[in-house]
């Protein structure tokens, strides 16, 4: 808490990240003072959701369903759920649909628009359907690697959900307005 307060009050930070796989469950009651302080400071709290790809992190700590407790008890806390909760994207979508303060972030997954387009179409299509374009955040999760950031930009800028998936699954097409919101309007 003191570190977050320092960065916000002394350095002007407006965003802070919590990485549960190194610590404890997202909904551990011991974290309530931390969430309360983040809410009071009126910052965006990025929270890693889904699997941990960094050993020895524990994936079980970051299941997106645990955000339901946090969002319910801290309705003023601005939550940005990283990695769409992958592979539990559906769980995260349901949590975000029920809580106005929970946004879903495409970080790490956007390059799949180029290398696994149908998989990405399902992920973003479900998010557009359940969460809506106003609560989806673009991200890269690749600090400093220009080619990866470029791939994430191209991945969303040029991607469209295939027509057969729009018809079969009822996914909406991605509009220019959606892209503007996802790329920074949100």
C-alpha atoms as a PDB file:
ATOM      1  CA  UNK A   1       0.000   0.000   0.000  1.00  0.00           C
ATOM      2  CA  UNK A   2       2.778   2.435   0.902  1.00  0.00           C
ATOM      3  CA  UNK A   3       4.513   1.777  -2.409  1.00  0.00           C
ATOM      4  CA  UNK A   4       1.338   2.407  -4.412  1.00  0.00           C
ATOM      5  CA  UNK A   5       0.646   5.577  -2.415  1.00  0.00           C
ATOM      6  CA  UNK A   6       4.192   6.793  -3.041  1.00  0.00           C
ATOM      7  CA  UNK A   7       3.984   6.244  -6.808  1.00  0.00           C
ATOM      8  CA  UNK A   8       0.595   7.920  -7.074  1.00  0.00           C
ATOM      9  CA  UNK A   9       1.155  10.869  -4.726  1.00  0.00           C
ATOM     10  CA  UNK A  10       4.850  11.525  -5.315  1.00  0.00           C
ATOM     11  CA  UNK A  11       5.359  10.439  -8.917  1.00  0.00           C
ATOM     12  CA  UNK A  12       1.914  11.003 -10.438  1.00  0.00           C
ATOM     13  CA  UNK A  13       1.223   7.387 -11.366  1.00  0.00           C
ATOM     14  CA  UNK A  14      -2.346   6.773 -12.545  1.00  0.00           C
ATOM     15  CA  UNK A  15      -2.089   3.019 -13.005  1.00  0.00           C
ATOM     16  CA  UNK A  16      -0.729   0.180 -10.896  1.00  0.00           C
ATOM     17  CA  UNK A  17      -0.381  -3.554 -11.566  1.00  0.00           C
ATOM     18  CA  UNK A  18      -1.085  -6.463  -9.245  1.00  0.00           C
ATOM     19  CA  UNK A  19       0.338  -9.859 -10.242  1.00  0.00           C
ATOM     20  CA  UNK A  20      -1.510 -12.457  -8.128  1.00  0.00           C
ATOM     21  CA  UNK A  21       0.511 -15.548  -9.203  1.00  0.00           C
ATOM     22  CA  UNK A  22       3.407 -14.326  -7.050  1.00  0.00           C
ATOM     23  CA  UNK A  23       1.309 -13.482  -4.004  1.00  0.00           C
ATOM     24  CA  UNK A  24      -2.147 -14.840  -3.288  1.00  0.00           C
ATOM     25  CA  UNK A  25      -5.654 -15.233  -4.654  1.00  0.00           C
ATOM     26  CA  UNK A  26      -7.201 -12.165  -6.303  1.00  0.00           C
ATOM     27  CA  UNK A  27     -10.010 -12.303  -3.721  1.00  0.00           C
ATOM     28  CA  UNK A  28      -7.867 -12.901  -0.639  1.00  0.00           C
ATOM     29  CA  UNK A  29      -9.506 -10.803   2.134  1.00  0.00           C
ATOM     30  CA  UNK A  30      -6.035  -9.691   3.247  1.00  0.00           C
ATOM     31  CA  UNK A  31      -5.951  -7.622   0.041  1.00  0.00           C
ATOM     32  CA  UNK A  32      -9.059  -5.593   0.897  1.00  0.00           C
ATOM     33  CA  UNK A  33      -7.009  -2.685   2.377  1.00  0.00           C
ATOM     34  CA  UNK A  34      -4.939  -2.635  -0.830  1.00  0.00           C
ATOM     35  CA  UNK A  35      -8.046  -2.521  -3.023  1.00  0.00           C
ATOM     36  CA  UNK A  36      -9.622   0.121  -0.793  1.00  0.00           C
ATOM     37  CA  UNK A  37      -6.531   2.321  -1.098  1.00  0.00           C
ATOM     38  CA  UNK A  38      -6.436   1.868  -4.899  1.00  0.00           C
ATOM     39  CA  UNK A  39     -10.105   2.863  -5.026  1.00  0.00           C
ATOM     40  CA  UNK A  40      -9.452   5.930  -2.823  1.00  0.00           C
ATOM     41  CA  UNK A  41      -6.498   6.973  -4.994  1.00  0.00           C
ATOM     42  CA  UNK A  42      -8.781   6.726  -8.045  1.00  0.00           C
ATOM     43  CA  UNK A  43      -6.245   4.829 -10.134  1.00  0.00           C
ATOM     44  CA  UNK A  44      -6.646   2.057 -12.672  1.00  0.00           C
ATOM     45  CA  UNK A  45      -5.612  -1.264 -11.180  1.00  0.00           C
ATOM     46  CA  UNK A  46      -4.282  -3.731 -13.735  1.00  0.00           C
ATOM     47  CA  UNK A  47      -4.708  -7.287 -12.511  1.00  0.00           C
ATOM     48  CA  UNK A  48      -3.170 -10.318 -14.175  1.00  0.00           C
ATOM     49  CA  UNK A  49      -5.913 -12.870 -14.843  1.00  0.00           C
ATOM     50  CA  UNK A  50      -5.699 -16.393 -16.217  1.00  0.00           C
ATOM     51  CA  UNK A  51      -2.691 -18.640 -16.369  1.00  0.00           C
ATOM     52  CA  UNK A  52       0.748 -17.693 -15.128  1.00  0.00           C
ATOM     53  CA  UNK A  53       3.381 -18.264 -17.788  1.00  0.00           C
ATOM     54  CA  UNK A  54       6.191 -17.302 -15.438  1.00  0.00           C
ATOM     55  CA  UNK A  55       7.340 -20.043 -13.066  1.00  0.00           C
ATOM     56  CA  UNK A  56       7.031 -20.402 -10.133  1.00  0.00           C
ATOM     57  CA  UNK A  57       3.818 -18.322 -10.285  1.00  0.00           C
ATOM     58  CA  UNK A  58       0.629 -20.123  -9.329  1.00  0.00           C
ATOM     59  CA  UNK A  59      -2.143 -19.879 -11.914  1.00  0.00           C
ATOM     60  CA  UNK A  60      -4.789 -20.835  -9.369  1.00  0.00           C
ATOM     61  CA  UNK A  61      -4.360 -17.407  -7.738  1.00  0.00           C
ATOM     62  CA  UNK A  62      -5.382 -15.544 -10.891  1.00  0.00           C
ATOM     63  CA  UNK A  63      -8.663 -17.153 -11.949  1.00  0.00           C
ATOM     64  CA  UNK A  64     -10.885 -14.356 -13.291  1.00  0.00           C
ATOM     65  CA  UNK A  65     -13.968 -15.534 -11.381  1.00  0.00           C
ATOM     66  CA  UNK A  66     -12.283 -14.203  -8.217  1.00  0.00           C
ATOM     67  CA  UNK A  67     -12.643 -10.661  -9.598  1.00  0.00           C
ATOM     68  CA  UNK A  68     -16.374 -10.940  -8.933  1.00  0.00           C
ATOM     69  CA  UNK A  69     -15.790 -10.560  -5.169  1.00  0.00           C
ATOM     70  CA  UNK A  70     -13.416  -7.627  -5.625  1.00  0.00           C
ATOM     71  CA  UNK A  71     -15.634  -5.762  -8.096  1.00  0.00           C
ATOM     72  CA  UNK A  72     -18.690  -6.256  -5.882  1.00  0.00           C
ATOM     73  CA  UNK A  73     -16.995  -4.973  -2.717  1.00  0.00           C
ATOM     74  CA  UNK A  74     -15.143  -2.120  -4.468  1.00  0.00           C
ATOM     75  CA  UNK A  75     -17.538  -0.781  -7.127  1.00  0.00           C
ATOM     76  CA  UNK A  76     -15.495   2.411  -7.527  1.00  0.00           C
ATOM     77  CA  UNK A  77     -12.253   0.550  -8.219  1.00  0.00           C
ATOM     78  CA  UNK A  78     -11.261   0.738 -11.884  1.00  0.00           C
ATOM     79  CA  UNK A  79     -10.159  -2.793 -12.781  1.00  0.00           C
ATOM     80  CA  UNK A  80      -8.370  -3.694 -16.005  1.00  0.00           C
ATOM     81  CA  UNK A  81      -8.148  -7.506 -16.267  1.00  0.00           C
ATOM     82  CA  UNK A  82      -5.054  -8.431 -18.255  1.00  0.00           C
ATOM     83  CA  UNK A  83      -4.874 -11.240 -20.820  1.00  0.00           C
ATOM     84  CA  UNK A  84      -8.666 -11.644 -21.053  1.00  0.00           C
ATOM     85  CA  UNK A  85      -8.336 -14.227 -18.261  1.00  0.00           C
ATOM     86  CA  UNK A  86      -6.991 -16.682 -20.838  1.00  0.00           C
ATOM     87  CA  UNK A  87      -7.876 -19.529 -21.054  1.00  0.00           C
ATOM     88  CA  UNK A  88     -10.890 -18.559 -18.914  1.00  0.00           C
ATOM     89  CA  UNK A  89     -12.074 -15.750 -21.183  1.00  0.00           C
ATOM     90  CA  UNK A  90     -15.738 -16.703 -20.857  1.00  0.00           C
ATOM     91  CA  UNK A  91     -15.547 -16.466 -17.058  1.00  0.00           C
ATOM     92  CA  UNK A  92     -13.978 -13.020 -17.286  1.00  0.00           C
ATOM     93  CA  UNK A  93     -16.571 -11.846 -19.803  1.00  0.00           C
ATOM     94  CA  UNK A  94     -19.379 -12.833 -17.433  1.00  0.00           C
ATOM     95  CA  UNK A  95     -17.723 -11.018 -14.515  1.00  0.00           C
ATOM     96  CA  UNK A  96     -17.110  -7.891 -16.622  1.00  0.00           C
ATOM     97  CA  UNK A  97     -20.656  -7.964 -17.975  1.00  0.00           C
ATOM     98  CA  UNK A  98     -21.986  -7.820 -14.408  1.00  0.00           C
ATOM     99  CA  UNK A  99     -19.663  -5.105 -13.117  1.00  0.00           C
ATOM    100  CA  UNK A 100     -19.325  -1.680 -14.778  1.00  0.00           C
ATOM    101  CA  UNK A 101     -15.906  -1.202 -13.165  1.00  0.00           C
ATOM    102  CA  UNK A 102     -14.289  -4.275 -14.789  1.00  0.00           C
ATOM    103  CA  UNK A 103     -12.639  -3.856 -18.194  1.00  0.00           C
ATOM    104  CA  UNK A 104     -11.039  -6.693 -20.177  1.00  0.00           C
ATOM    105  CA  UNK A 105      -7.598  -6.273 -21.724  1.00  0.00           C
ATOM    106  CA  UNK A 106      -6.372  -8.001 -24.876  1.00  0.00           C
ATOM    107  CA  UNK A 107      -2.730  -7.813 -23.747  1.00  0.00           C
ATOM    108  CA  UNK A 108      -0.610 -10.722 -24.961  1.00  0.00           C
ATOM    109  CA  UNK A 109      -3.433 -12.091 -27.168  1.00  0.00           C
ATOM    110  CA  UNK A 110      -3.654  -9.519 -29.994  1.00  0.00           C
ATOM    111  CA  UNK A 111      -0.825 -11.041 -32.103  1.00  0.00           C
ATOM    112  CA  UNK A 112      -3.037 -14.137 -32.404  1.00  0.00           C
ATOM    113  CA  UNK A 113      -5.078 -12.073 -34.869  1.00  0.00           C
ATOM    114  CA  UNK A 114      -2.213 -12.787 -37.286  1.00  0.00           C
ATOM    115  CA  UNK A 115      -1.011 -16.249 -36.246  1.00  0.00           C
ATOM    116  CA  UNK A 116      -4.285 -17.816 -34.939  1.00  0.00           C
ATOM    117  CA  UNK A 117      -7.051 -15.663 -36.444  1.00  0.00           C
ATOM    118  CA  UNK A 118     -10.007 -17.953 -35.748  1.00  0.00           C
ATOM    119  CA  UNK A 119      -8.980 -18.366 -32.129  1.00  0.00           C
ATOM    120  CA  UNK A 120      -8.630 -14.604 -31.774  1.00  0.00           C
ATOM    121  CA  UNK A 121     -11.977 -14.111 -33.533  1.00  0.00           C
ATOM    122  CA  UNK A 122     -13.662 -16.253 -30.892  1.00  0.00           C
ATOM    123  CA  UNK A 123     -11.959 -14.402 -28.038  1.00  0.00           C
ATOM    124  CA  UNK A 124     -12.744 -10.889 -29.265  1.00  0.00           C
ATOM    125  CA  UNK A 125     -16.127 -11.900 -30.654  1.00  0.00           C
ATOM    126  CA  UNK A 126     -17.281 -13.202 -27.268  1.00  0.00           C
ATOM    127  CA  UNK A 127     -15.946 -10.073 -25.557  1.00  0.00           C
ATOM    128  CA  UNK A 128     -17.759  -7.807 -28.013  1.00  0.00           C
ATOM    129  CA  UNK A 129     -20.971  -9.756 -27.522  1.00  0.00           C
ATOM    130  CA  UNK A 130     -20.982  -9.956 -23.710  1.00  0.00           C
ATOM    131  CA  UNK A 131     -18.830  -7.073 -22.501  1.00  0.00           C
ATOM    132  CA  UNK A 132     -19.194  -4.614 -25.382  1.00  0.00           C
ATOM    133  CA  UNK A 133     -16.641  -2.444 -27.178  1.00  0.00           C
ATOM    134  CA  UNK A 134     -16.715   0.225 -24.449  1.00  0.00           C
ATOM    135  CA  UNK A 135     -14.971  -2.053 -21.937  1.00  0.00           C
ATOM    136  CA  UNK A 136     -12.300  -3.733 -24.086  1.00  0.00           C
ATOM    137  CA  UNK A 137      -8.735  -2.426 -23.788  1.00  0.00           C
ATOM    138  CA  UNK A 138      -5.951  -2.991 -26.311  1.00  0.00           C
ATOM    139  CA  UNK A 139      -2.593  -4.013 -24.916  1.00  0.00           C
ATOM    140  CA  UNK A 140       0.676  -5.627 -25.900  1.00  0.00           C
ATOM    141  CA  UNK A 141       2.414  -6.765 -22.715  1.00  0.00           C
ATOM    142  CA  UNK A 142       5.679  -6.446 -24.615  1.00  0.00           C
ATOM    143  CA  UNK A 143       7.613  -3.517 -23.195  1.00  0.00           C
ATOM    144  CA  UNK A 144      10.438  -2.543 -25.484  1.00  0.00           C
ATOM    145  CA  UNK A 145      10.100  -5.131 -28.241  1.00  0.00           C
ATOM    146  CA  UNK A 146       9.145  -3.077 -31.281  1.00  0.00           C
ATOM    147  CA  UNK A 147       8.307  -5.994 -33.548  1.00  0.00           C
ATOM    148  CA  UNK A 148       5.887  -7.441 -30.992  1.00  0.00           C
ATOM    149  CA  UNK A 149       4.206  -4.097 -30.397  1.00  0.00           C
ATOM    150  CA  UNK A 150       3.942  -3.625 -34.168  1.00  0.00           C
ATOM    151  CA  UNK A 151       2.358  -7.077 -34.502  1.00  0.00           C
ATOM    152  CA  UNK A 152      -0.195  -6.199 -31.807  1.00  0.00           C
ATOM    153  CA  UNK A 153      -1.070  -2.949 -33.599  1.00  0.00           C
ATOM    154  CA  UNK A 154      -1.442  -4.644 -36.976  1.00  0.00           C
ATOM    155  CA  UNK A 155      -3.316  -7.485 -35.306  1.00  0.00           C
ATOM    156  CA  UNK A 156      -6.172  -5.248 -34.247  1.00  0.00           C
ATOM    157  CA  UNK A 157      -5.971  -2.556 -36.917  1.00  0.00           C
ATOM    158  CA  UNK A 158      -6.470  -4.992 -39.794  1.00  0.00           C
ATOM    159  CA  UNK A 159      -8.400  -7.827 -38.165  1.00  0.00           C
ATOM    160  CA  UNK A 160     -12.019  -8.620 -38.871  1.00  0.00           C
ATOM    161  CA  UNK A 161     -14.060 -11.491 -37.471  1.00  0.00           C
ATOM    162  CA  UNK A 162     -14.641 -13.858 -40.418  1.00  0.00           C
ATOM    163  CA  UNK A 163     -18.134 -13.591 -41.896  1.00  0.00           C
ATOM    164  CA  UNK A 164     -18.869 -17.282 -41.307  1.00  0.00           C
ATOM    165  CA  UNK A 165     -18.146 -16.796 -37.583  1.00  0.00           C
ATOM    166  CA  UNK A 166     -20.286 -13.663 -37.496  1.00  0.00           C
ATOM    167  CA  UNK A 167     -23.162 -15.689 -38.931  1.00  0.00           C
ATOM    168  CA  UNK A 168     -22.565 -18.958 -37.036  1.00  0.00           C
ATOM    169  CA  UNK A 169     -21.824 -17.464 -33.626  1.00  0.00           C
ATOM    170  CA  UNK A 170     -23.629 -14.149 -33.875  1.00  0.00           C
ATOM    171  CA  UNK A 171     -20.435 -12.166 -33.338  1.00  0.00           C
ATOM    172  CA  UNK A 172     -20.623  -8.531 -34.393  1.00  0.00           C
ATOM    173  CA  UNK A 173     -18.254  -7.156 -37.006  1.00  0.00           C
ATOM    174  CA  UNK A 174     -15.500  -4.949 -35.608  1.00  0.00           C
ATOM    175  CA  UNK A 175     -16.230  -1.370 -36.653  1.00  0.00           C
ATOM    176  CA  UNK A 176     -13.851   1.576 -36.963  1.00  0.00           C
ATOM    177  CA  UNK A 177     -15.596   3.064 -33.926  1.00  0.00           C
ATOM    178  CA  UNK A 178     -14.890  -0.149 -31.956  1.00  0.00           C
ATOM    179  CA  UNK A 179     -11.225   0.000 -32.943  1.00  0.00           C
ATOM    180  CA  UNK A 180     -10.954   3.644 -31.840  1.00  0.00           C
ATOM    181  CA  UNK A 181     -12.424   2.765 -28.445  1.00  0.00           C
ATOM    182  CA  UNK A 182     -10.233  -0.319 -27.975  1.00  0.00           C
ATOM    183  CA  UNK A 183      -7.058   1.431 -29.155  1.00  0.00           C
ATOM    184  CA  UNK A 184      -7.319   4.164 -26.529  1.00  0.00           C
ATOM    185  CA  UNK A 185     -10.748   5.713 -26.324  1.00  0.00           C
ATOM    186  CA  UNK A 186     -11.633   3.453 -23.446  1.00  0.00           C
END
